[in-house]
Amino acid sequence: MSGRSQQVQSVRRAISILRSFSIESPELGVTEISHRTGLHKSTAFRLLETLEAEGLISQDPETGRFRLGVGLIALAGLVLEYMDLRQASRRHMRILADRTGETVNLAILDEGSSLNLEQSLPHGRLVKNYGWIGRRTPIHATSTGKVLLAWLSESERQSILQRPLERFTPNTIVEVQELELALEEVRRLGYAVGHEEYEVGLNAVAAPVRNHEGQVVAALSISGPAYRLAPETFETGGHAVMRVASEISRHMGDEDIAAVAQAGGG
């Protein structure tokens, strides 16, 4: 068996252990887990040790029995937050799409890319930008990506930007120092622009969406053809997206950003 096949098998075995617990059986001994998963006791125990080290399994020091760990709560919380985010965003995205006549996308940071989580298309436009849900776009060459980068900690940002920046168009920023200056401008303005940096003829403007702790959890954008969403419209578009992003943020529990955007967004 190849090394990759062994890794996949180990992951599947670990998942089978996690799924062996239930409401009826919240605590299990290693022998019970072995029986439920079909794993040898030594294999089950080794995987349990690894899962425990990662906080996904916990062991009662008195009984020696295992139960699901609190680390799973944190992971589940992330999923629930994104579900809440999509639900909180949909109505506002439809309004923004119809108000601006442009395609509206909601994106999150995922594995160093900007991942489209939700989309709303305007009515009555013959030319639209279809950036379908689930599509990944480069974080350095898009307005949503710049927003998601701009409010990361320096260490998190540097970790993502340590790989070479791919050029997609003549406008793509491929030097980290130049990109850092652009991100400073994003933080100053409160919104980011993509000026034909990912696709020639396509422009976009994005603003941050924050959660109840004030953390940037997503980027809201409008995008459209460069002849329509031209540079002279970026400021107006930026403020429009900021206002709607602040409304979504308010629904996510962040009152401060809504107040700031309403006061300064114009």
Protein backbone atom coordinates (compact mmCIF):
# COMPACT_ATOMS: atom_id res chain seq x y z
CA MET A 1 0.00 0.00 0.00
CA SER A 2 1.37 3.43 -0.96
CA GLY A 3 2.01 6.14 1.63
CA ARG A 4 -0.93 8.19 0.30
CA SER A 5 -3.26 5.19 0.49
CA GLN A 6 -2.17 4.57 4.08
CA GLN A 7 -2.89 8.21 4.96
CA VAL A 8 -6.37 8.02 3.41
CA GLN A 9 -7.04 4.78 5.28
CA SER A 10 -5.96 6.36 8.56
CA VAL A 11 -8.29 9.32 7.99
CA ARG A 12 -11.20 6.99 7.24
CA ARG A 13 -10.48 4.96 10.34
CA ALA A 14 -10.34 8.10 12.47
CA ILE A 15 -13.67 9.24 11.04
CA SER A 16 -15.20 5.84 11.79
CA ILE A 17 -14.13 6.27 15.42
CA LEU A 18 -15.78 9.68 15.66
CA ARG A 19 -18.97 8.29 14.12
CA SER A 20 -19.06 5.38 16.56
CA PHE A 21 -20.33 7.74 19.28
CA SER A 22 -24.02 8.60 19.50
CA ILE A 23 -26.56 10.25 21.78
CA GLU A 24 -27.35 6.80 23.15
CA SER A 25 -23.64 5.99 23.60
CA PRO A 26 -21.80 9.22 24.40
CA GLU A 27 -18.99 7.37 26.17
CA LEU A 28 -17.23 4.26 24.89
CA GLY A 29 -14.33 2.10 25.97
CA VAL A 30 -11.62 1.12 23.52
CA THR A 31 -13.02 -2.43 23.27
CA GLU A 32 -16.47 -1.09 22.35
CA ILE A 33 -14.94 1.25 19.77
CA SER A 34 -12.97 -1.65 18.34
CA HIS A 35 -16.14 -3.70 17.96
CA ARG A 36 -18.14 -0.84 16.41
CA THR A 37 -15.45 0.12 13.89
CA GLY A 38 -13.95 -3.27 13.14
CA LEU A 39 -10.50 -1.93 14.06
CA HIS A 40 -7.95 -3.85 16.07
CA LYS A 41 -7.78 -2.54 19.63
CA SER A 42 -4.18 -1.37 19.24
CA THR A 43 -5.06 0.51 16.05
CA ALA A 44 -8.14 2.06 17.65
CA PHE A 45 -6.15 3.12 20.72
CA ARG A 46 -3.40 4.68 18.60
CA LEU A 47 -5.94 6.70 16.63
CA LEU A 48 -7.75 7.69 19.81
CA GLU A 49 -4.49 9.07 21.20
CA THR A 50 -4.02 11.18 18.07
CA LEU A 51 -7.60 12.44 18.13
CA GLU A 52 -7.26 13.25 21.83
CA ALA A 53 -4.07 15.23 21.17
CA GLU A 54 -6.03 17.32 18.64
CA GLY A 55 -8.93 17.90 21.06
CA LEU A 56 -11.40 15.86 19.01
CA ILE A 57 -11.64 13.08 21.62
CA SER A 58 -11.37 13.28 25.40
CA GLN A 59 -10.75 10.50 27.91
CA ASP A 60 -12.18 10.29 31.42
CA PRO A 61 -9.13 9.89 33.67
CA GLU A 62 -11.11 7.83 36.20
CA THR A 63 -13.00 5.40 33.95
CA GLY A 64 -10.65 5.43 30.96
CA ARG A 65 -13.65 5.74 28.66
CA PHE A 66 -13.67 8.09 25.69
CA ARG A 67 -16.11 10.73 24.47
CA LEU A 68 -16.16 13.36 21.72
CA GLY A 69 -13.93 16.34 22.49
CA VAL A 70 -14.67 20.03 22.69
CA GLY A 71 -12.54 20.64 19.60
CA LEU A 72 -15.48 19.42 17.55
CA ILE A 73 -17.62 22.20 19.01
CA ALA A 74 -15.24 24.79 17.60
CA LEU A 75 -15.35 23.15 14.17
CA ALA A 76 -19.14 22.89 14.27
CA GLY A 77 -19.29 26.54 15.30
CA LEU A 78 -17.45 27.53 12.13
CA VAL A 79 -19.94 25.64 9.99
CA LEU A 80 -22.89 27.19 11.82
CA GLU A 81 -21.37 30.65 11.46
CA TYR A 82 -21.09 30.24 7.69
CA MET A 83 -24.67 28.94 7.55
CA ASP A 84 -25.81 31.97 9.55
CA LEU A 85 -23.68 34.21 7.33
CA ARG A 86 -25.33 32.96 4.14
CA GLN A 87 -28.79 33.32 5.64
CA ALA A 88 -28.07 36.82 6.94
CA SER A 89 -26.65 37.91 3.58
CA ARG A 90 -29.13 36.72 0.98
CA ARG A 91 -31.77 39.44 1.24
CA HIS A 92 -29.17 42.21 1.40
CA MET A 93 -27.30 40.73 -1.57
CA ARG A 94 -30.45 40.72 -3.69
CA ILE A 95 -31.09 44.36 -2.82
CA LEU A 96 -27.50 45.33 -3.65
CA ALA A 97 -27.59 43.44 -6.96
CA ASP A 98 -30.78 45.19 -8.05
CA ARG A 99 -29.61 48.57 -6.78
CA THR A 100 -26.24 48.46 -8.57
CA GLY A 101 -27.21 46.27 -11.52
CA GLU A 102 -24.10 44.15 -10.91
CA THR A 103 -23.41 40.60 -9.75
CA VAL A 104 -22.95 40.31 -5.98
CA ASN A 105 -20.74 37.67 -4.40
CA LEU A 106 -20.03 36.71 -0.81
CA ALA A 107 -16.63 35.07 -0.29
CA ILE A 108 -14.68 33.56 2.58
CA LEU A 109 -11.04 32.69 3.10
CA ASP A 110 -10.44 28.99 2.55
CA GLU A 111 -7.09 27.25 2.08
CA GLY A 112 -5.40 30.45 0.96
CA SER A 113 -8.04 31.26 -1.66
CA SER A 114 -11.14 33.39 -1.87
CA LEU A 115 -14.07 30.95 -1.97
CA ASN A 116 -17.46 32.11 -3.23
CA LEU A 117 -20.06 31.20 -0.64
CA GLU A 118 -23.18 32.91 -2.02
CA GLN A 119 -24.20 34.90 -5.10
CA SER A 120 -27.00 37.17 -6.23
CA LEU A 121 -27.62 38.23 -9.83
CA PRO A 122 -29.31 41.47 -10.89
CA HIS A 123 -32.53 41.54 -12.86
CA GLY A 124 -32.65 43.09 -16.29
CA ARG A 125 -28.94 42.97 -17.21
CA LEU A 126 -27.96 41.30 -20.47
CA VAL A 127 -24.28 41.06 -19.47
CA LYS A 128 -23.61 39.53 -16.08
CA ASN A 129 -20.58 38.05 -14.33
CA TYR A 130 -21.24 34.44 -13.34
CA GLY A 131 -18.81 33.69 -10.50
CA TRP A 132 -20.67 30.61 -9.38
CA ILE A 133 -20.98 29.41 -5.80
CA GLY A 134 -18.05 27.23 -4.80
CA ARG A 135 -15.63 28.85 -7.23
CA ARG A 136 -12.17 29.64 -5.86
CA THR A 137 -10.36 32.77 -6.98
CA PRO A 138 -6.79 33.92 -6.26
CA ILE A 139 -6.55 35.91 -3.08
CA HIS A 140 -4.03 38.46 -4.40
CA ALA A 141 -5.81 39.23 -7.67
CA THR A 142 -9.41 39.84 -6.58
CA SER A 143 -11.23 42.47 -4.57
CA THR A 144 -12.67 39.87 -2.19
CA GLY A 145 -9.24 38.32 -1.73
CA LYS A 146 -7.67 41.66 -0.88
CA VAL A 147 -10.36 42.31 1.74
CA LEU A 148 -9.80 38.90 3.30
CA LEU A 149 -6.02 39.47 3.32
CA ALA A 150 -6.12 43.04 4.58
CA TRP A 151 -7.48 42.26 8.04
CA LEU A 152 -5.46 39.12 8.72
CA SER A 153 -2.66 39.27 11.26
CA GLU A 154 0.75 39.89 9.72
CA SER A 155 1.88 36.34 10.44
CA GLU A 156 -1.24 34.84 8.84
CA ARG A 157 -0.87 37.12 5.82
CA GLN A 158 2.81 36.30 5.36
CA SER A 159 2.07 32.58 5.60
CA ILE A 160 -0.34 32.87 2.66
CA LEU A 161 1.87 35.20 0.62
CA GLN A 162 5.05 33.16 0.91
CA ARG A 163 4.29 31.32 -2.33
CA PRO A 164 4.84 33.09 -5.69
CA LEU A 165 1.99 35.34 -6.81
CA GLU A 166 0.67 34.23 -10.19
CA ARG A 167 0.13 36.81 -12.93
CA PHE A 168 -3.27 36.59 -14.65
CA THR A 169 -3.38 39.91 -16.52
CA PRO A 170 -1.01 42.87 -17.05
CA ASN A 171 -2.68 44.50 -14.00
CA THR A 172 -2.11 41.63 -11.57
CA ILE A 173 0.01 42.56 -8.56
CA VAL A 174 2.77 39.96 -8.28
CA GLU A 175 5.19 41.70 -5.88
CA VAL A 176 4.44 41.20 -2.19
CA GLN A 177 5.66 44.69 -1.23
CA GLU A 178 3.34 46.29 -3.78
CA LEU A 179 0.47 44.14 -2.57
CA GLU A 180 1.13 45.15 1.05
CA LEU A 181 0.85 48.81 0.02
CA ALA A 182 -2.44 48.02 -1.72
CA LEU A 183 -3.72 46.31 1.43
CA GLU A 184 -2.85 49.39 3.48
CA GLU A 185 -5.06 51.37 1.09
CA VAL A 186 -7.84 48.81 1.53
CA ARG A 187 -7.73 49.25 5.31
CA ARG A 188 -7.69 53.03 4.94
CA LEU A 189 -10.63 53.19 2.53
CA GLY A 190 -12.63 50.32 3.99
CA TYR A 191 -13.05 48.64 0.61
CA ALA A 192 -10.92 46.96 -2.07
CA VAL A 193 -11.01 47.14 -5.86
CA GLY A 194 -10.06 44.66 -8.52
CA HIS A 195 -9.15 46.57 -11.68
CA GLU A 196 -8.88 43.91 -14.41
CA GLU A 197 -6.39 42.02 -12.22
CA TYR A 198 -7.89 38.54 -12.54
CA GLU A 199 -9.71 38.78 -15.86
CA VAL A 200 -9.26 41.41 -18.57
CA GLY A 201 -12.49 43.36 -18.88
CA LEU A 202 -13.76 42.50 -15.39
CA ASN A 203 -13.75 44.89 -12.42
CA ALA A 204 -14.98 44.45 -8.85
CA VAL A 205 -15.31 46.27 -5.54
CA ALA A 206 -15.49 44.51 -2.15
CA ALA A 207 -15.94 45.37 1.53
CA PRO A 208 -15.51 43.35 4.75
CA VAL A 209 -18.25 41.54 6.66
CA ARG A 210 -17.59 41.09 10.38
CA ASN A 211 -18.95 38.78 13.05
CA HIS A 212 -20.06 39.52 16.60
CA GLU A 213 -16.42 39.77 17.71
CA GLY A 214 -15.58 42.33 15.05
CA GLN A 215 -13.50 39.85 13.06
CA VAL A 216 -13.61 39.91 9.27
CA VAL A 217 -15.23 36.62 8.28
CA ALA A 218 -16.21 37.34 4.68
CA ALA A 219 -15.98 39.80 1.81
CA LEU A 220 -18.98 41.18 -0.07
CA SER A 221 -18.40 42.32 -3.65
CA ILE A 222 -20.04 43.70 -6.75
CA SER A 223 -18.46 42.80 -10.08
CA GLY A 224 -19.16 43.64 -13.69
CA PRO A 225 -17.66 44.50 -17.06
CA ALA A 226 -14.99 47.19 -16.98
CA TYR A 227 -16.89 49.44 -19.38
CA ARG A 228 -19.74 49.63 -16.85
CA LEU A 229 -18.00 49.23 -13.49
CA ALA A 230 -15.31 51.71 -14.49
CA PRO A 231 -12.62 53.21 -12.19
CA GLU A 232 -14.58 56.45 -11.83
CA THR A 233 -17.42 54.42 -10.24
CA PHE A 234 -15.19 52.60 -7.72
CA GLU A 235 -15.68 55.09 -4.88
CA THR A 236 -19.47 55.17 -5.22
CA GLY A 237 -19.55 51.39 -5.58
CA GLY A 238 -17.25 50.97 -2.63
CA HIS A 239 -19.50 52.97 -0.32
CA ALA A 240 -22.57 51.12 -1.58
CA VAL A 241 -20.95 47.76 -0.82
CA MET A 242 -19.70 49.01 2.56
CA ARG A 243 -23.19 50.03 3.60
CA VAL A 244 -24.65 46.64 2.74
CA ALA A 245 -21.69 44.79 4.26
CA SER A 246 -22.23 46.74 7.46
CA GLU A 247 -25.90 45.70 7.50
CA ILE A 248 -24.90 42.06 7.16
CA SER A 249 -22.31 42.59 9.90
CA ARG A 250 -24.98 44.02 12.15
CA HIS A 251 -27.08 40.90 11.63
CA MET A 252 -24.00 38.86 12.53
CA GLY A 253 -23.85 40.76 15.84
CA ASP A 254 -21.31 43.47 15.08
CA GLU A 255 -22.91 46.78 16.02
CA ASP A 256 -19.73 48.89 15.83
CA ILE A 257 -18.99 48.37 12.13
CA ALA A 258 -22.57 49.17 11.18
CA ALA A 259 -22.42 52.43 13.08
CA VAL A 260 -19.06 53.41 11.58
CA ALA A 261 -20.11 52.63 8.01
CA GLN A 262 -23.43 54.45 8.40
CA ALA A 263 -21.65 57.52 9.72
CA GLY A 264 -18.89 57.63 7.13
CA GLY A 265 -20.23 55.72 4.15
CA GLY A 266 -22.16 58.61 2.66
